[in-house]
């Protein structure tokens, strides 16, 4: 698809995509229930709460208990969606997720907002940058990081009937909406946004839009960049990665996460096993975040368009 084929349909936060998707799936399936750790407004779960008050549970500031309750509800056939900040959804309750959800094989949908450094002014204690790695290491856990409002809505709907535990990661800031409601969203199947011949960029979450901007800049420089939206980190679409490596001979990964344990690590493992290929990673370099606006932090920590362009230029030179 040519770069010019991506119009922007306004802007919205991905957490609103979750809220609207939750309401939609709640209307479709009476077994869907929602649990929140006293952050109903921040997680955009208000509409579900108002329409289905008997299927909404505010567990208070007791995230570990929320996960345990959610796991128990699956035994009765319910489909529980839990909601709180990504830091509290993973770091604070990792033991409960490991024992009561992953090890026990319970299909809880762990929905996490305010992930990464785009949480902004709340600072390092809330800006979890390790969560993708933590969750993808758990057996039987699916990890999904959609790119915009619409894809987050569709992902929220898709996981309702998915028979495994899911970690769904999204954010607070408004970002461009550039995918459409009629897109095909398939868990574990990457979305190819651009075909290229010189380099492939593989991105997830907020960095997909930044990567699309980078592809435009590279095109102006005469460089043909492919772009894959790897919205599912686990199960990983290894076939798409191997095909991209064969087509362009070098890869850049881009993510709002630590370099260790995230998308870049997953892609590197695939390439090492199946097709060794030059690789550059755009990610947080073993640091905690700090307070600042999302744009300031993305620039300071190298998660912006110029840094993706520079990574593409470096990796091409290594071919």
C-alpha atoms as a PDB file:
ATOM      1  CA  UNK A   1       0.000   0.000   0.000  1.00  0.00           C
ATOM      2  CA  UNK A   2       1.406   3.458  -0.866  1.00  0.00           C
ATOM      3  CA  UNK A   3       2.143   5.866   1.967  1.00  0.00           C
ATOM      4  CA  UNK A   4      -0.384   8.344   0.557  1.00  0.00           C
ATOM      5  CA  UNK A   5      -3.174   5.795   1.198  1.00  0.00           C
ATOM      6  CA  UNK A   6      -3.235   6.498   4.933  1.00  0.00           C
ATOM      7  CA  UNK A   7      -5.670   9.340   5.670  1.00  0.00           C
ATOM      8  CA  UNK A   8      -6.108  10.416   9.284  1.00  0.00           C
ATOM      9  CA  UNK A   9      -9.589  10.155  10.790  1.00  0.00           C
ATOM     10  CA  UNK A  10      -9.057  12.573  13.648  1.00  0.00           C
ATOM     11  CA  UNK A  11      -7.296  11.710  16.892  1.00  0.00           C
ATOM     12  CA  UNK A  12      -8.248   9.885  20.055  1.00  0.00           C
ATOM     13  CA  UNK A  13      -6.668   8.079  22.959  1.00  0.00           C
ATOM     14  CA  UNK A  14      -6.414   4.312  22.677  1.00  0.00           C
ATOM     15  CA  UNK A  15      -8.007   3.912  26.114  1.00  0.00           C
ATOM     16  CA  UNK A  16     -11.222   5.299  24.576  1.00  0.00           C
ATOM     17  CA  UNK A  17     -11.030   2.542  21.993  1.00  0.00           C
ATOM     18  CA  UNK A  18     -10.959   0.083  24.885  1.00  0.00           C
ATOM     19  CA  UNK A  19     -13.944   1.722  26.566  1.00  0.00           C
ATOM     20  CA  UNK A  20     -16.030   1.700  23.395  1.00  0.00           C
ATOM     21  CA  UNK A  21     -14.991  -1.849  22.571  1.00  0.00           C
ATOM     22  CA  UNK A  22     -15.916  -3.012  26.063  1.00  0.00           C
ATOM     23  CA  UNK A  23     -19.376  -1.470  25.754  1.00  0.00           C
ATOM     24  CA  UNK A  24     -19.853  -3.110  22.352  1.00  0.00           C
ATOM     25  CA  UNK A  25     -18.873  -6.580  23.504  1.00  0.00           C
ATOM     26  CA  UNK A  26     -20.963  -6.128  26.647  1.00  0.00           C
ATOM     27  CA  UNK A  27     -24.025  -5.641  24.455  1.00  0.00           C
ATOM     28  CA  UNK A  28     -23.154  -8.700  22.385  1.00  0.00           C
ATOM     29  CA  UNK A  29     -22.438 -11.122  25.223  1.00  0.00           C
ATOM     30  CA  UNK A  30     -24.162 -11.138  28.597  1.00  0.00           C
ATOM     31  CA  UNK A  31     -21.318 -13.193  30.084  1.00  0.00           C
ATOM     32  CA  UNK A  32     -18.924 -10.259  29.795  1.00  0.00           C
ATOM     33  CA  UNK A  33     -18.215  -8.568  33.131  1.00  0.00           C
ATOM     34  CA  UNK A  34     -15.896  -5.683  33.953  1.00  0.00           C
ATOM     35  CA  UNK A  35     -13.738  -5.117  37.022  1.00  0.00           C
ATOM     36  CA  UNK A  36     -11.882  -1.905  37.820  1.00  0.00           C
ATOM     37  CA  UNK A  37      -9.450  -0.849  40.532  1.00  0.00           C
ATOM     38  CA  UNK A  38     -11.038   2.531  41.299  1.00  0.00           C
ATOM     39  CA  UNK A  39     -10.018   4.115  37.967  1.00  0.00           C
ATOM     40  CA  UNK A  40     -13.277   3.820  36.064  1.00  0.00           C
ATOM     41  CA  UNK A  41     -13.019   7.222  34.388  1.00  0.00           C
ATOM     42  CA  UNK A  42      -9.359   6.887  33.501  1.00  0.00           C
ATOM     43  CA  UNK A  43      -9.993   3.499  31.870  1.00  0.00           C
ATOM     44  CA  UNK A  44     -13.084   4.817  30.020  1.00  0.00           C
ATOM     45  CA  UNK A  45     -15.248   2.099  31.566  1.00  0.00           C
ATOM     46  CA  UNK A  46     -18.021   4.541  32.487  1.00  0.00           C
ATOM     47  CA  UNK A  47     -20.335   3.617  29.608  1.00  0.00           C
ATOM     48  CA  UNK A  48     -20.197  -0.074  30.477  1.00  0.00           C
ATOM     49  CA  UNK A  49     -20.820   0.697  34.137  1.00  0.00           C
ATOM     50  CA  UNK A  50     -23.831   2.875  33.332  1.00  0.00           C
ATOM     51  CA  UNK A  51     -25.426   0.372  30.942  1.00  0.00           C
ATOM     52  CA  UNK A  52     -24.597  -2.798  32.881  1.00  0.00           C
ATOM     53  CA  UNK A  53     -24.325  -1.836  36.574  1.00  0.00           C
ATOM     54  CA  UNK A  54     -24.981  -5.417  37.689  1.00  0.00           C
ATOM     55  CA  UNK A  55     -22.015  -6.622  35.621  1.00  0.00           C
ATOM     56  CA  UNK A  56     -19.517  -4.024  36.812  1.00  0.00           C
ATOM     57  CA  UNK A  57     -17.380  -4.418  39.936  1.00  0.00           C
ATOM     58  CA  UNK A  58     -15.245  -1.663  41.399  1.00  0.00           C
ATOM     59  CA  UNK A  59     -12.707  -3.565  43.451  1.00  0.00           C
ATOM     60  CA  UNK A  60     -11.143  -0.437  44.887  1.00  0.00           C
ATOM     61  CA  UNK A  61      -7.415   0.104  45.226  1.00  0.00           C
ATOM     62  CA  UNK A  62      -6.907  -3.634  45.591  1.00  0.00           C
ATOM     63  CA  UNK A  63      -5.505  -4.796  42.287  1.00  0.00           C
ATOM     64  CA  UNK A  64      -4.330  -8.196  43.510  1.00  0.00           C
ATOM     65  CA  UNK A  65      -7.809  -8.946  44.800  1.00  0.00           C
ATOM     66  CA  UNK A  66      -9.274  -7.794  41.467  1.00  0.00           C
ATOM     67  CA  UNK A  67      -7.186 -10.353  39.566  1.00  0.00           C
ATOM     68  CA  UNK A  68      -8.190 -13.100  41.972  1.00  0.00           C
ATOM     69  CA  UNK A  69     -11.870 -12.222  41.679  1.00  0.00           C
ATOM     70  CA  UNK A  70     -11.594 -12.155  37.887  1.00  0.00           C
ATOM     71  CA  UNK A  71      -9.980 -15.589  37.831  1.00  0.00           C
ATOM     72  CA  UNK A  72     -12.763 -16.927  40.052  1.00  0.00           C
ATOM     73  CA  UNK A  73     -15.463 -15.478  37.816  1.00  0.00           C
ATOM     74  CA  UNK A  74     -14.190 -17.503  34.862  1.00  0.00           C
ATOM     75  CA  UNK A  75     -15.066 -20.696  36.736  1.00  0.00           C
ATOM     76  CA  UNK A  76     -18.720 -19.680  36.505  1.00  0.00           C
ATOM     77  CA  UNK A  77     -18.467 -19.027  32.793  1.00  0.00           C
ATOM     78  CA  UNK A  78     -18.019 -15.261  32.969  1.00  0.00           C
ATOM     79  CA  UNK A  79     -15.666 -13.361  30.660  1.00  0.00           C
ATOM     80  CA  UNK A  80     -13.915 -10.853  32.939  1.00  0.00           C
ATOM     81  CA  UNK A  81     -12.156  -7.723  31.710  1.00  0.00           C
ATOM     82  CA  UNK A  82      -9.997  -6.084  34.366  1.00  0.00           C
ATOM     83  CA  UNK A  83      -8.973  -2.450  34.081  1.00  0.00           C
ATOM     84  CA  UNK A  84      -6.330  -0.280  35.720  1.00  0.00           C
ATOM     85  CA  UNK A  85      -3.034   1.436  34.843  1.00  0.00           C
ATOM     86  CA  UNK A  86      -0.439  -0.808  33.196  1.00  0.00           C
ATOM     87  CA  UNK A  87       1.913  -0.468  36.166  1.00  0.00           C
ATOM     88  CA  UNK A  88      -0.771  -1.706  38.549  1.00  0.00           C
ATOM     89  CA  UNK A  89      -2.028  -4.314  36.054  1.00  0.00           C
ATOM     90  CA  UNK A  90       1.332  -6.095  35.961  1.00  0.00           C
ATOM     91  CA  UNK A  91       4.077  -4.984  38.347  1.00  0.00           C
ATOM     92  CA  UNK A  92       1.845  -4.759  41.412  1.00  0.00           C
ATOM     93  CA  UNK A  93       0.011  -8.052  40.795  1.00  0.00           C
ATOM     94  CA  UNK A  94       2.465 -10.269  38.958  1.00  0.00           C
ATOM     95  CA  UNK A  95       2.219 -13.107  41.456  1.00  0.00           C
ATOM     96  CA  UNK A  96      -1.576 -13.209  41.216  1.00  0.00           C
ATOM     97  CA  UNK A  97      -1.434 -13.176  37.411  1.00  0.00           C
ATOM     98  CA  UNK A  98       1.170 -15.926  37.357  1.00  0.00           C
ATOM     99  CA  UNK A  99      -0.595 -18.229  39.819  1.00  0.00           C
ATOM    100  CA  UNK A 100      -4.316 -17.518  39.465  1.00  0.00           C
ATOM    101  CA  UNK A 101      -4.488 -16.678  35.751  1.00  0.00           C
ATOM    102  CA  UNK A 102      -1.587 -18.055  33.689  1.00  0.00           C
ATOM    103  CA  UNK A 103      -0.713 -21.180  35.671  1.00  0.00           C
ATOM    104  CA  UNK A 104      -4.383 -21.926  36.308  1.00  0.00           C
ATOM    105  CA  UNK A 105      -5.326 -21.435  32.668  1.00  0.00           C
ATOM    106  CA  UNK A 106      -8.015 -18.823  33.300  1.00  0.00           C
ATOM    107  CA  UNK A 107      -9.020 -16.652  30.294  1.00  0.00           C
ATOM    108  CA  UNK A 108      -8.958 -13.316  32.129  1.00  0.00           C
ATOM    109  CA  UNK A 109      -8.632 -10.221  29.917  1.00  0.00           C
ATOM    110  CA  UNK A 110      -6.089  -7.972  31.645  1.00  0.00           C
ATOM    111  CA  UNK A 111      -6.616  -4.524  30.119  1.00  0.00           C
ATOM    112  CA  UNK A 112      -3.964  -1.957  30.900  1.00  0.00           C
ATOM    113  CA  UNK A 113      -4.021   1.763  30.198  1.00  0.00           C
ATOM    114  CA  UNK A 114      -1.439   4.538  30.723  1.00  0.00           C
ATOM    115  CA  UNK A 115       1.424   2.317  29.566  1.00  0.00           C
ATOM    116  CA  UNK A 116       4.899   3.582  28.709  1.00  0.00           C
ATOM    117  CA  UNK A 117       6.410   7.045  29.011  1.00  0.00           C
ATOM    118  CA  UNK A 118       3.467   8.732  27.258  1.00  0.00           C
ATOM    119  CA  UNK A 119       1.780   8.624  30.651  1.00  0.00           C
ATOM    120  CA  UNK A 120       3.829  11.799  30.942  1.00  0.00           C
ATOM    121  CA  UNK A 121       3.802  13.982  34.017  1.00  0.00           C
ATOM    122  CA  UNK A 122       2.989  11.161  36.467  1.00  0.00           C
ATOM    123  CA  UNK A 123       6.639  10.168  36.266  1.00  0.00           C
ATOM    124  CA  UNK A 124       8.794   7.074  36.496  1.00  0.00           C
ATOM    125  CA  UNK A 125       6.848   5.295  39.262  1.00  0.00           C
ATOM    126  CA  UNK A 126       3.801   5.054  36.982  1.00  0.00           C
ATOM    127  CA  UNK A 127       5.510   4.769  33.576  1.00  0.00           C
ATOM    128  CA  UNK A 128       5.993   1.038  33.402  1.00  0.00           C
ATOM    129  CA  UNK A 129       8.330   0.079  30.571  1.00  0.00           C
ATOM    130  CA  UNK A 130       8.853  -3.588  31.427  1.00  0.00           C
ATOM    131  CA  UNK A 131       5.310  -4.939  31.179  1.00  0.00           C
ATOM    132  CA  UNK A 132       5.452  -6.470  27.690  1.00  0.00           C
ATOM    133  CA  UNK A 133       8.487  -8.509  28.723  1.00  0.00           C
ATOM    134  CA  UNK A 134       6.917  -9.544  32.017  1.00  0.00           C
ATOM    135  CA  UNK A 135       3.730 -10.733  30.362  1.00  0.00           C
ATOM    136  CA  UNK A 136       5.187 -12.402  27.279  1.00  0.00           C
ATOM    137  CA  UNK A 137       7.405 -14.556  29.493  1.00  0.00           C
ATOM    138  CA  UNK A 138       4.352 -16.106  31.168  1.00  0.00           C
ATOM    139  CA  UNK A 139       3.207 -19.398  29.651  1.00  0.00           C
ATOM    140  CA  UNK A 140      -0.320 -19.295  28.182  1.00  0.00           C
ATOM    141  CA  UNK A 141      -0.414 -15.476  28.103  1.00  0.00           C
ATOM    142  CA  UNK A 142      -1.305 -13.531  24.961  1.00  0.00           C
ATOM    143  CA  UNK A 143       0.105  -9.996  24.583  1.00  0.00           C
ATOM    144  CA  UNK A 144      -1.581  -7.403  22.338  1.00  0.00           C
ATOM    145  CA  UNK A 145      -0.464  -3.793  21.766  1.00  0.00           C
ATOM    146  CA  UNK A 146      -2.788  -2.071  19.246  1.00  0.00           C
ATOM    147  CA  UNK A 147      -1.772   1.082  17.389  1.00  0.00           C
ATOM    148  CA  UNK A 148      -4.735   3.491  17.513  1.00  0.00           C
ATOM    149  CA  UNK A 149      -8.280   4.025  18.775  1.00  0.00           C
ATOM    150  CA  UNK A 150      -9.981   1.871  16.153  1.00  0.00           C
ATOM    151  CA  UNK A 151      -7.607  -1.044  16.436  1.00  0.00           C
ATOM    152  CA  UNK A 152      -7.856  -0.970  20.226  1.00  0.00           C
ATOM    153  CA  UNK A 153     -11.645  -1.117  19.949  1.00  0.00           C
ATOM    154  CA  UNK A 154     -11.472  -4.099  17.594  1.00  0.00           C
ATOM    155  CA  UNK A 155      -8.888  -5.851  19.763  1.00  0.00           C
ATOM    156  CA  UNK A 156     -11.108  -5.398  22.820  1.00  0.00           C
ATOM    157  CA  UNK A 157     -13.952  -7.038  20.939  1.00  0.00           C
ATOM    158  CA  UNK A 158     -11.790  -9.830  19.522  1.00  0.00           C
ATOM    159  CA  UNK A 159     -10.439 -11.048  22.846  1.00  0.00           C
ATOM    160  CA  UNK A 160     -13.892 -11.748  24.310  1.00  0.00           C
ATOM    161  CA  UNK A 161     -14.169 -15.154  22.601  1.00  0.00           C
ATOM    162  CA  UNK A 162     -10.447 -15.874  22.751  1.00  0.00           C
ATOM    163  CA  UNK A 163      -9.949 -18.934  25.002  1.00  0.00           C
ATOM    164  CA  UNK A 164      -6.712 -17.773  26.658  1.00  0.00           C
ATOM    165  CA  UNK A 165      -5.559 -15.123  29.092  1.00  0.00           C
ATOM    166  CA  UNK A 166      -4.798 -11.805  27.397  1.00  0.00           C
ATOM    167  CA  UNK A 167      -2.752  -8.748  28.265  1.00  0.00           C
ATOM    168  CA  UNK A 168      -4.110  -5.793  26.274  1.00  0.00           C
ATOM    169  CA  UNK A 169      -1.880  -2.708  26.479  1.00  0.00           C
ATOM    170  CA  UNK A 170      -2.950   0.826  25.513  1.00  0.00           C
ATOM    171  CA  UNK A 171      -2.375   4.447  26.499  1.00  0.00           C
ATOM    172  CA  UNK A 172      -3.570   7.868  27.598  1.00  0.00           C
ATOM    173  CA  UNK A 173      -2.521  10.469  24.978  1.00  0.00           C
ATOM    174  CA  UNK A 174      -4.511  11.259  21.870  1.00  0.00           C
ATOM    175  CA  UNK A 175      -2.866   9.876  18.740  1.00  0.00           C
ATOM    176  CA  UNK A 176      -3.948   9.891  15.083  1.00  0.00           C
ATOM    177  CA  UNK A 177      -6.600   7.391  14.014  1.00  0.00           C
ATOM    178  CA  UNK A 178      -5.342   5.886  10.771  1.00  0.00           C
ATOM    179  CA  UNK A 179      -6.840   2.395  10.691  1.00  0.00           C
ATOM    180  CA  UNK A 180     -10.431   1.754   9.672  1.00  0.00           C
ATOM    181  CA  UNK A 181     -13.362  -0.072  11.214  1.00  0.00           C
ATOM    182  CA  UNK A 182     -13.423  -2.585   8.367  1.00  0.00           C
ATOM    183  CA  UNK A 183      -9.803  -3.674   8.901  1.00  0.00           C
ATOM    184  CA  UNK A 184      -9.090  -7.325   9.551  1.00  0.00           C
ATOM    185  CA  UNK A 185      -7.893  -7.784  13.124  1.00  0.00           C
ATOM    186  CA  UNK A 186      -6.633 -11.263  13.822  1.00  0.00           C
ATOM    187  CA  UNK A 187      -4.864 -12.170  17.039  1.00  0.00           C
ATOM    188  CA  UNK A 188      -1.365 -13.423  16.208  1.00  0.00           C
ATOM    189  CA  UNK A 189      -1.421 -12.135  12.623  1.00  0.00           C
ATOM    190  CA  UNK A 190       0.680  -9.067  11.810  1.00  0.00           C
ATOM    191  CA  UNK A 191      -0.749  -6.217   9.754  1.00  0.00           C
ATOM    192  CA  UNK A 192       1.374  -5.145   6.799  1.00  0.00           C
ATOM    193  CA  UNK A 193       0.815  -1.420   6.294  1.00  0.00           C
ATOM    194  CA  UNK A 194       3.533  -0.721   3.727  1.00  0.00           C
ATOM    195  CA  UNK A 195       5.576  -2.866   1.376  1.00  0.00           C
ATOM    196  CA  UNK A 196       9.206  -1.826   0.904  1.00  0.00           C
ATOM    197  CA  UNK A 197      12.390  -3.029  -0.698  1.00  0.00           C
ATOM    198  CA  UNK A 198      15.216  -1.386   1.315  1.00  0.00           C
ATOM    199  CA  UNK A 199      14.259  -1.815   4.991  1.00  0.00           C
ATOM    200  CA  UNK A 200      11.350  -3.093   7.075  1.00  0.00           C
ATOM    201  CA  UNK A 201      10.129  -1.305  10.197  1.00  0.00           C
ATOM    202  CA  UNK A 202       8.263  -3.502  12.686  1.00  0.00           C
ATOM    203  CA  UNK A 203       6.409  -1.473  15.314  1.00  0.00           C
ATOM    204  CA  UNK A 204       3.654  -1.703  17.897  1.00  0.00           C
ATOM    205  CA  UNK A 205       1.430   0.703  19.821  1.00  0.00           C
ATOM    206  CA  UNK A 206       2.098   4.438  19.603  1.00  0.00           C
ATOM    207  CA  UNK A 207       5.272   3.820  17.606  1.00  0.00           C
ATOM    208  CA  UNK A 208       3.336   2.569  14.573  1.00  0.00           C
ATOM    209  CA  UNK A 209       2.255   6.110  13.682  1.00  0.00           C
ATOM    210  CA  UNK A 210       5.774   7.403  14.310  1.00  0.00           C
ATOM    211  CA  UNK A 211       7.052   4.655  12.011  1.00  0.00           C
ATOM    212  CA  UNK A 212       4.607   5.647   9.305  1.00  0.00           C
ATOM    213  CA  UNK A 213       5.934   9.202   9.555  1.00  0.00           C
ATOM    214  CA  UNK A 214       9.474   7.824   9.345  1.00  0.00           C
ATOM    215  CA  UNK A 215       8.585   5.847   6.224  1.00  0.00           C
ATOM    216  CA  UNK A 216       7.395   9.082   4.601  1.00  0.00           C
ATOM    217  CA  UNK A 217      10.695  10.796   5.434  1.00  0.00           C
ATOM    218  CA  UNK A 218      12.690   7.838   4.134  1.00  0.00           C
ATOM    219  CA  UNK A 219      10.652   7.841   0.932  1.00  0.00           C
ATOM    220  CA  UNK A 220      11.634  11.460   0.361  1.00  0.00           C
ATOM    221  CA  UNK A 221      15.251  10.312   0.681  1.00  0.00           C
ATOM    222  CA  UNK A 222      14.728   7.638  -1.957  1.00  0.00           C
ATOM    223  CA  UNK A 223      14.562   4.794   0.585  1.00  0.00           C
ATOM    224  CA  UNK A 224      11.717   2.275   0.276  1.00  0.00           C
ATOM    225  CA  UNK A 225      10.574   1.244   3.769  1.00  0.00           C
ATOM    226  CA  UNK A 226       8.108  -1.488   4.547  1.00  0.00           C
ATOM    227  CA  UNK A 227       6.040  -1.208   7.724  1.00  0.00           C
ATOM    228  CA  UNK A 228       4.541  -4.029   9.772  1.00  0.00           C
ATOM    229  CA  UNK A 229       2.161  -3.319  12.638  1.00  0.00           C
ATOM    230  CA  UNK A 230       2.991  -6.160  15.029  1.00  0.00           C
ATOM    231  CA  UNK A 231      -0.034  -5.634  17.255  1.00  0.00           C
ATOM    232  CA  UNK A 232       0.299  -9.106  18.759  1.00  0.00           C
ATOM    233  CA  UNK A 233       3.623  -9.619  20.502  1.00  0.00           C
ATOM    234  CA  UNK A 234       2.639 -13.107  21.628  1.00  0.00           C
ATOM    235  CA  UNK A 235       1.839 -15.304  19.776  1.00  0.00           C
ATOM    236  CA  UNK A 236       4.302 -13.623  17.420  1.00  0.00           C
ATOM    237  CA  UNK A 237       3.796 -13.734  13.660  1.00  0.00           C
ATOM    238  CA  UNK A 238       7.202 -15.224  12.908  1.00  0.00           C
ATOM    239  CA  UNK A 239       6.324 -15.902   9.280  1.00  0.00           C
ATOM    240  CA  UNK A 240       5.799 -12.166   8.667  1.00  0.00           C
ATOM    241  CA  UNK A 241       9.190 -11.365  10.234  1.00  0.00           C
ATOM    242  CA  UNK A 242      11.035 -13.995   8.213  1.00  0.00           C
ATOM    243  CA  UNK A 243       9.345 -12.864   4.994  1.00  0.00           C
ATOM    244  CA  UNK A 244      10.250  -9.233   5.708  1.00  0.00           C
ATOM    245  CA  UNK A 245      13.877 -10.157   6.358  1.00  0.00           C
ATOM    246  CA  UNK A 246      14.003 -12.011   3.060  1.00  0.00           C
ATOM    247  CA  UNK A 247      12.426  -9.110   1.190  1.00  0.00           C
ATOM    248  CA  UNK A 248      14.448  -6.171   2.519  1.00  0.00           C
ATOM    249  CA  UNK A 249      17.500  -7.705   4.182  1.00  0.00           C
ATOM    250  CA  UNK A 250      17.363  -5.516   7.305  1.00  0.00           C
ATOM    251  CA  UNK A 251      14.877  -4.612  10.034  1.00  0.00           C
ATOM    252  CA  UNK A 252      14.158  -1.837  12.536  1.00  0.00           C
ATOM    253  CA  UNK A 253      11.884  -2.447  15.530  1.00  0.00           C
ATOM    254  CA  UNK A 254      10.119   0.407  17.316  1.00  0.00           C
ATOM    255  CA  UNK A 255       8.281   0.245  20.632  1.00  0.00           C
ATOM    256  CA  UNK A 256       7.457   2.261  23.745  1.00  0.00           C
ATOM    257  CA  UNK A 257       9.126  -0.233  26.073  1.00  0.00           C
ATOM    258  CA  UNK A 258      12.484  -1.316  27.379  1.00  0.00           C
ATOM    259  CA  UNK A 259      14.811  -2.734  24.739  1.00  0.00           C
ATOM    260  CA  UNK A 260      15.137  -5.821  26.931  1.00  0.00           C
ATOM    261  CA  UNK A 261      12.185  -8.169  26.797  1.00  0.00           C
ATOM    262  CA  UNK A 262       9.925  -6.352  24.350  1.00  0.00           C
ATOM    263  CA  UNK A 263       9.062  -6.467  20.669  1.00  0.00           C
ATOM    264  CA  UNK A 264      12.678  -5.986  19.575  1.00  0.00           C
ATOM    265  CA  UNK A 265      13.812  -8.920  21.671  1.00  0.00           C
ATOM    266  CA  UNK A 266      11.049 -11.102  20.253  1.00  0.00           C
ATOM    267  CA  UNK A 267      11.982 -10.177  16.670  1.00  0.00           C
ATOM    268  CA  UNK A 268      15.693 -10.704  17.381  1.00  0.00           C
ATOM    269  CA  UNK A 269      15.024 -14.201  18.710  1.00  0.00           C
ATOM    270  CA  UNK A 270      13.050 -15.065  15.588  1.00  0.00           C
ATOM    271  CA  UNK A 271      15.777 -13.780  13.275  1.00  0.00           C
ATOM    272  CA  UNK A 272      18.513 -15.554  15.232  1.00  0.00           C
ATOM    273  CA  UNK A 273      16.693 -18.870  14.937  1.00  0.00           C
ATOM    274  CA  UNK A 274      15.480 -18.652  11.370  1.00  0.00           C
ATOM    275  CA  UNK A 275      17.205 -15.926   9.321  1.00  0.00           C
ATOM    276  CA  UNK A 276      20.063 -13.867  10.814  1.00  0.00           C
ATOM    277  CA  UNK A 277      19.518 -10.313   9.604  1.00  0.00           C
ATOM    278  CA  UNK A 278      20.864  -6.849  10.538  1.00  0.00           C
ATOM    279  CA  UNK A 279      18.571  -5.344  13.179  1.00  0.00           C
ATOM    280  CA  UNK A 280      18.292  -1.992  14.952  1.00  0.00           C
ATOM    281  CA  UNK A 281      15.971  -1.396  17.916  1.00  0.00           C
ATOM    282  CA  UNK A 282      14.238   1.869  18.762  1.00  0.00           C
ATOM    283  CA  UNK A 283      13.289   1.454  22.413  1.00  0.00           C
ATOM    284  CA  UNK A 284      14.124   2.647  25.928  1.00  0.00           C
ATOM    285  CA  UNK A 285      17.770   1.905  26.647  1.00  0.00           C
ATOM    286  CA  UNK A 286      17.749   0.397  30.152  1.00  0.00           C
ATOM    287  CA  UNK A 287      16.411   3.519  31.870  1.00  0.00           C
ATOM    288  CA  UNK A 288      13.477   4.612  33.957  1.00  0.00           C
ATOM    289  CA  UNK A 289      11.347   7.492  32.736  1.00  0.00           C
ATOM    290  CA  UNK A 290      10.725  10.865  34.352  1.00  0.00           C
ATOM    291  CA  UNK A 291       8.097  13.598  34.487  1.00  0.00           C
ATOM    292  CA  UNK A 292       7.392  15.588  31.332  1.00  0.00           C
ATOM    293  CA  UNK A 293       4.930  15.909  28.501  1.00  0.00           C
ATOM    294  CA  UNK A 294       4.555  12.845  26.274  1.00  0.00           C
ATOM    295  CA  UNK A 295       6.194  14.603  23.327  1.00  0.00           C
ATOM    296  CA  UNK A 296       9.112  15.802  25.440  1.00  0.00           C
ATOM    297  CA  UNK A 297       9.724  12.325  26.791  1.00  0.00           C
ATOM    298  CA  UNK A 298       9.375  10.564  23.457  1.00  0.00           C
ATOM    299  CA  UNK A 299      11.985  12.911  22.037  1.00  0.00           C
ATOM    300  CA  UNK A 300      14.361  12.672  25.001  1.00  0.00           C
ATOM    301  CA  UNK A 301      14.273   8.886  25.094  1.00  0.00           C
ATOM    302  CA  UNK A 302      14.639   8.485  21.341  1.00  0.00           C
ATOM    303  CA  UNK A 303      11.175   7.215  20.496  1.00  0.00           C
ATOM    304  CA  UNK A 304      10.335   9.728  17.784  1.00  0.00           C
ATOM    305  CA  UNK A 305      10.311   9.890  13.999  1.00  0.00           C
ATOM    306  CA  UNK A 306      13.911  11.168  13.524  1.00  0.00           C
ATOM    307  CA  UNK A 307      15.284   8.330  15.625  1.00  0.00           C
ATOM    308  CA  UNK A 308      13.407   5.724  13.586  1.00  0.00           C
ATOM    309  CA  UNK A 309      14.733   7.317  10.394  1.00  0.00           C
ATOM    310  CA  UNK A 310      18.292   7.245  11.800  1.00  0.00           C
ATOM    311  CA  UNK A 311      17.910   3.597  12.839  1.00  0.00           C
ATOM    312  CA  UNK A 312      16.770   2.722   9.314  1.00  0.00           C
ATOM    313  CA  UNK A 313      19.781   4.483   7.809  1.00  0.00           C
ATOM    314  CA  UNK A 314      22.141   2.667  10.183  1.00  0.00           C
ATOM    315  CA  UNK A 315      20.736  -0.768   9.510  1.00  0.00           C
ATOM    316  CA  UNK A 316      20.754  -0.262   5.745  1.00  0.00           C
ATOM    317  CA  UNK A 317      24.446   0.585   5.972  1.00  0.00           C
ATOM    318  CA  UNK A 318      25.033  -2.757   7.698  1.00  0.00           C
ATOM    319  CA  UNK A 319      23.533  -4.872   4.910  1.00  0.00           C
END
